[in-house]
Amino acid sequence: MIDSGPGVLTDPISGNHIVKVCRDQGVKVNSVAQYVVKGLSNGEAVAIIARPSLRKALMDFFVTQGLDVQSFKDQGQIKFLDAEFLLSSLWMDDGIDAEAFEKFVSDPLGVMKLKYDKIRIFGEMVDVLWQKGAYDEAMQLEDRWNDLFKKIEFSLLCTYSFSHLDPSTYDEALERICRCHTHHIPLEVSDLSISSEANELLDSFGLAWKRIIEKFNSFTSVPPPIPPA
C-alpha cells in the first residue's frame, strides 16, 4: 500500500486500486467527482457503479459544473450501473461468483477497452456488502478486482463509509481493507462543527489507523498515509 494524497484521484495510473474511507456523502461525492471529471477531460472511459442516491448526487454535481453527461453517454465514454443490482447478479450461494464477474464486469470492460485506451472505474459494491455485514464477501469482491488487473488495464476507486465501520473492530477492518489496495487516501472531515461523540469516534479511528501503520511498517519500507489529526 502506497502513501497517497488527493493527486491519486485526479491522476491515477493503470493498476492503481485506490481506497478512501469517507466520513459522509459530501466527501464521497467530491472525491468521486474529482476522479471522474478529470478522467473524462483526459478522454478516458469511466464506469460508475453506485447506489441511486450517489448517482443522483453525482449527476447534480455534474450539472452545476456544466458537464454534458448525455454527450459522454452517447459516445459510450461514461456508463452508470446500479451497485445493488449488479451485486445481485454476481452473488451466488458461496459468495461472489467468478463466472458471473467475468460476464457482467470483465467482458463489458473489455468492450470499453476496445474504444478507449484508459478506463477509470468507481465501485460502491464493497461498501454495500460491508454495510450488510458481508465482510468476507466484500474482500472476495476486492480480490476479483485485483485478479482483473492482470487481464485489463484500468484504475479503480473504492469507497467505504465511515459510519459502516464498527468502532470495536476498527483495527481488523482497516487492516483487511488496506491489504486489498495499492493506494489509500486518508479520512477527511467535511464539517468541523461536529458533535463531541463524533469527535471521539474520529479520534478512535485515528488511533486505530496509526496502529495499522505501525503494523505495515514492520514489513514494508513504504508506509501507509497518516490521517489528519
Protein backbone atom coordinates (compact mmCIF):
# COMPACT_ATOMS: atom_id res chain seq x y z
CA MET A 1 0.00 0.00 0.00
CA ILE A 2 1.38 3.39 -1.03
CA ASP A 3 1.15 6.72 0.76
CA SER A 4 -1.36 8.75 -1.23
CA GLY A 5 -2.54 12.30 -1.43
CA PRO A 6 -5.53 13.71 -3.30
CA GLY A 7 -3.49 13.68 -6.53
CA VAL A 8 -4.05 9.96 -6.98
CA LEU A 9 -7.75 10.74 -7.51
CA THR A 10 -7.10 13.00 -10.47
CA ASP A 11 -4.10 11.27 -11.99
CA PRO A 12 -4.19 7.53 -11.27
CA ILE A 13 -2.34 5.09 -13.47
CA SER A 14 -3.48 1.68 -14.65
CA GLY A 15 -3.20 -0.82 -11.84
CA ASN A 16 -3.98 1.69 -9.10
CA HIS A 17 -6.54 0.20 -6.70
CA ILE A 18 -7.45 3.16 -4.53
CA VAL A 19 -9.48 3.16 -1.33
CA LYS A 20 -10.94 6.05 0.61
CA VAL A 21 -12.92 5.92 3.83
CA CYS A 22 -15.48 8.73 3.58
CA ARG A 23 -17.00 10.34 6.64
CA ASP A 24 -20.14 11.44 4.81
CA GLN A 25 -21.88 11.61 1.44
CA GLY A 26 -20.50 15.06 0.70
CA VAL A 27 -16.91 13.87 0.93
CA LYS A 28 -17.74 10.84 -1.19
CA VAL A 29 -19.38 12.92 -3.92
CA ASN A 30 -16.45 15.32 -4.04
CA SER A 31 -13.89 12.52 -4.20
CA VAL A 32 -15.67 10.53 -6.90
CA ALA A 33 -16.37 13.69 -8.91
CA GLN A 34 -12.67 14.61 -8.93
CA TYR A 35 -11.81 11.14 -10.12
CA VAL A 36 -14.49 11.07 -12.83
CA VAL A 37 -14.27 14.61 -14.22
CA LYS A 38 -10.51 14.51 -14.73
CA GLY A 39 -10.80 11.15 -16.44
CA LEU A 40 -13.44 12.40 -18.86
CA SER A 41 -11.44 15.53 -19.64
CA ASN A 42 -8.45 13.29 -20.43
CA GLY A 43 -10.53 11.31 -22.92
CA GLU A 44 -10.66 8.24 -20.67
CA ALA A 45 -13.66 5.95 -20.29
CA VAL A 46 -15.42 5.94 -16.92
CA ALA A 47 -17.71 3.39 -15.28
CA ILE A 48 -19.62 4.41 -12.15
CA ILE A 49 -21.06 1.55 -10.09
CA ALA A 50 -23.11 3.21 -7.36
CA ARG A 51 -26.36 3.28 -5.45
CA PRO A 52 -29.17 5.56 -6.69
CA SER A 53 -28.57 8.25 -4.05
CA LEU A 54 -24.93 8.64 -5.00
CA ARG A 55 -25.64 8.54 -8.73
CA LYS A 56 -28.18 11.34 -8.30
CA ALA A 57 -25.81 13.40 -6.17
CA LEU A 58 -23.08 13.00 -8.78
CA MET A 59 -25.42 13.96 -11.61
CA ASP A 60 -26.48 17.07 -9.69
CA PHE A 61 -22.83 17.97 -9.19
CA PHE A 62 -22.02 17.43 -12.86
CA VAL A 63 -24.88 19.74 -13.85
CA THR A 64 -23.54 22.51 -11.61
CA GLN A 65 -20.16 22.09 -13.31
CA GLY A 66 -21.70 22.37 -16.78
CA LEU A 67 -20.69 18.84 -17.71
CA ASP A 68 -22.59 17.44 -20.70
CA VAL A 69 -23.06 13.95 -19.30
CA GLN A 70 -25.52 12.93 -22.03
CA SER A 71 -22.90 13.60 -24.69
CA PHE A 72 -20.41 11.38 -22.87
CA LYS A 73 -23.10 8.70 -22.56
CA ASP A 74 -23.87 8.87 -26.28
CA GLN A 75 -20.19 8.33 -27.06
CA GLY A 76 -20.01 5.38 -24.69
CA GLN A 77 -17.39 7.21 -22.65
CA ILE A 78 -19.30 7.02 -19.37
CA LYS A 79 -21.54 4.28 -18.02
CA PHE A 80 -23.67 4.26 -14.88
CA LEU A 81 -24.52 0.96 -13.20
CA ASP A 82 -26.58 0.25 -10.11
CA ALA A 83 -24.35 -1.20 -7.39
CA GLU A 84 -27.02 -3.31 -5.71
CA PHE A 85 -28.47 -4.66 -8.97
CA LEU A 86 -25.04 -5.62 -10.31
CA LEU A 87 -24.17 -7.17 -6.97
CA SER A 88 -27.30 -9.32 -7.13
CA SER A 89 -26.06 -10.66 -10.47
CA LEU A 90 -22.65 -11.53 -9.02
CA TRP A 91 -23.86 -13.04 -5.76
CA MET A 92 -24.22 -16.81 -5.59
CA ASP A 93 -24.64 -19.20 -2.65
CA ASP A 94 -20.92 -19.25 -1.93
CA GLY A 95 -20.30 -15.53 -2.44
CA ILE A 96 -19.05 -13.62 -5.48
CA ASP A 97 -19.19 -15.98 -8.46
CA ALA A 98 -16.15 -15.93 -10.76
CA GLU A 99 -18.12 -16.71 -13.93
CA ALA A 100 -20.71 -14.04 -13.17
CA PHE A 101 -17.96 -11.49 -12.53
CA GLU A 102 -16.45 -12.39 -15.88
CA LYS A 103 -19.79 -11.98 -17.67
CA PHE A 104 -21.12 -8.84 -16.02
CA VAL A 105 -17.90 -6.96 -15.19
CA SER A 106 -14.85 -8.22 -17.06
CA ASP A 107 -16.44 -8.67 -20.50
CA PRO A 108 -18.16 -5.22 -20.61
CA LEU A 109 -14.92 -3.55 -19.51
CA GLY A 110 -13.11 -5.39 -22.27
CA VAL A 111 -15.55 -3.86 -24.76
CA MET A 112 -14.89 -0.37 -23.36
CA LYS A 113 -11.18 -1.03 -23.65
CA LEU A 114 -11.52 -1.61 -27.40
CA LYS A 115 -12.56 2.03 -27.84
CA TYR A 116 -10.78 3.80 -25.01
CA ASP A 117 -7.15 3.30 -24.09
CA LYS A 118 -7.66 4.17 -20.41
CA ILE A 119 -10.52 3.27 -18.09
CA ARG A 120 -11.42 4.58 -14.65
CA ILE A 121 -13.87 2.65 -12.51
CA PHE A 122 -15.59 3.72 -9.34
CA GLY A 123 -17.21 0.95 -7.32
CA GLU A 124 -19.57 1.18 -4.35
CA MET A 125 -20.44 -2.53 -4.22
CA VAL A 126 -17.91 -3.31 -1.49
CA ASP A 127 -19.49 -0.67 0.74
CA VAL A 128 -22.91 -2.22 0.14
CA LEU A 129 -21.56 -5.58 1.27
CA TRP A 130 -19.77 -4.10 4.26
CA GLN A 131 -22.92 -2.30 5.38
CA LYS A 132 -24.76 -5.63 5.30
CA GLY A 133 -22.10 -7.29 7.42
CA ALA A 134 -20.88 -9.41 4.49
CA TYR A 135 -17.23 -8.66 5.25
CA ASP A 136 -15.75 -11.81 3.72
CA GLU A 137 -17.73 -11.28 0.54
CA ALA A 138 -16.53 -7.66 0.34
CA MET A 139 -12.94 -8.87 0.49
CA GLN A 140 -13.75 -11.57 -2.05
CA LEU A 141 -15.02 -8.90 -4.42
CA GLU A 142 -11.87 -6.85 -3.87
CA ASP A 143 -9.86 -9.95 -4.81
CA ARG A 144 -11.91 -10.36 -8.00
CA TRP A 145 -10.99 -6.81 -8.96
CA ASN A 146 -7.32 -7.48 -8.22
CA ASP A 147 -7.43 -10.56 -10.44
CA LEU A 148 -8.97 -8.46 -13.21
CA PHE A 149 -5.99 -6.08 -13.10
CA LYS A 150 -3.95 -8.95 -14.55
CA LYS A 151 -6.19 -9.04 -17.66
CA ILE A 152 -7.29 -5.45 -18.31
CA GLU A 153 -5.55 -2.14 -17.68
CA PHE A 154 -7.70 0.21 -15.60
CA SER A 155 -7.72 2.13 -12.33
CA LEU A 156 -10.28 1.54 -9.59
CA LEU A 157 -11.56 3.74 -6.78
CA CYS A 158 -13.43 2.11 -3.89
CA THR A 159 -15.06 3.95 -1.02
CA TYR A 160 -16.11 2.71 2.39
CA SER A 161 -18.46 4.72 4.57
CA PHE A 162 -17.06 5.69 7.96
CA SER A 163 -20.46 5.11 9.55
CA HIS A 164 -20.44 1.48 8.38
CA LEU A 165 -17.28 0.69 10.35
CA ASP A 166 -17.70 -0.69 13.85
CA PRO A 167 -15.52 1.22 16.35
CA SER A 168 -14.88 -2.01 18.26
CA THR A 169 -13.25 -3.56 15.17
CA TYR A 170 -11.51 -0.58 13.52
CA ASP A 171 -8.12 -2.31 13.57
CA GLU A 172 -9.33 -5.53 11.97
CA ALA A 173 -11.47 -3.72 9.40
CA LEU A 174 -8.76 -1.27 8.36
CA GLU A 175 -6.16 -3.99 8.03
CA ARG A 176 -8.42 -6.14 5.85
CA ILE A 177 -9.45 -3.20 3.68
CA CYS A 178 -5.97 -1.77 3.25
CA ARG A 179 -4.37 -5.08 2.32
CA CYS A 180 -6.54 -5.23 -0.82
CA HIS A 181 -5.49 -1.84 -2.17
CA THR A 182 -2.39 -0.21 -3.63
CA HIS A 183 -3.25 3.34 -2.51
CA HIS A 184 -5.10 4.74 0.50
CA ILE A 185 -6.41 8.30 0.86
CA PRO A 186 -6.79 9.47 4.48
CA LEU A 187 -10.13 10.22 6.05
CA GLU A 188 -11.39 13.78 5.56
CA VAL A 189 -13.85 15.67 7.71
CA SER A 190 -16.05 17.98 5.65
CA ASP A 191 -17.71 19.66 8.63
CA LEU A 192 -15.55 20.77 11.53
CA SER A 193 -18.54 21.66 13.71
CA ILE A 194 -19.27 18.05 14.62
CA SER A 195 -20.50 16.62 17.89
CA SER A 196 -18.21 15.51 20.71
CA GLU A 197 -19.40 11.93 20.16
CA ALA A 198 -18.39 12.09 16.50
CA ASN A 199 -15.04 13.56 17.52
CA GLU A 200 -14.46 10.63 19.85
CA LEU A 201 -15.16 8.18 17.03
CA LEU A 202 -12.79 10.04 14.72
CA ASP A 203 -10.11 10.00 17.42
CA SER A 204 -10.64 6.28 17.90
CA PHE A 205 -10.38 5.75 14.15
CA GLY A 206 -7.16 7.78 14.01
CA LEU A 207 -5.57 5.74 16.79
CA ALA A 208 -6.57 2.50 15.09
CA TRP A 209 -5.12 3.74 11.83
CA LYS A 210 -1.81 4.61 13.50
CA ARG A 211 -1.64 1.08 14.86
CA ILE A 212 -2.18 -0.30 11.38
CA ILE A 213 0.55 2.00 10.05
CA GLU A 214 2.98 0.59 12.60
CA LYS A 215 1.98 -2.94 11.67
CA PHE A 216 2.51 -2.31 7.96
CA ASN A 217 5.79 -0.53 8.66
CA SER A 218 7.09 -3.66 10.34
CA PHE A 219 7.21 -5.49 7.00
CA THR A 220 7.27 -2.81 4.29
CA SER A 221 9.51 0.13 3.53
CA VAL A 222 6.61 2.14 2.10
CA PRO A 223 4.36 3.34 4.93
CA PRO A 224 0.64 3.92 4.61
CA PRO A 225 -0.56 7.53 4.83
CA ILE A 226 -1.07 9.22 8.16
CA PRO A 227 -4.62 10.50 8.62
CA PRO A 228 -5.14 14.14 9.59
CA ALA A 229 -5.25 14.94 13.28
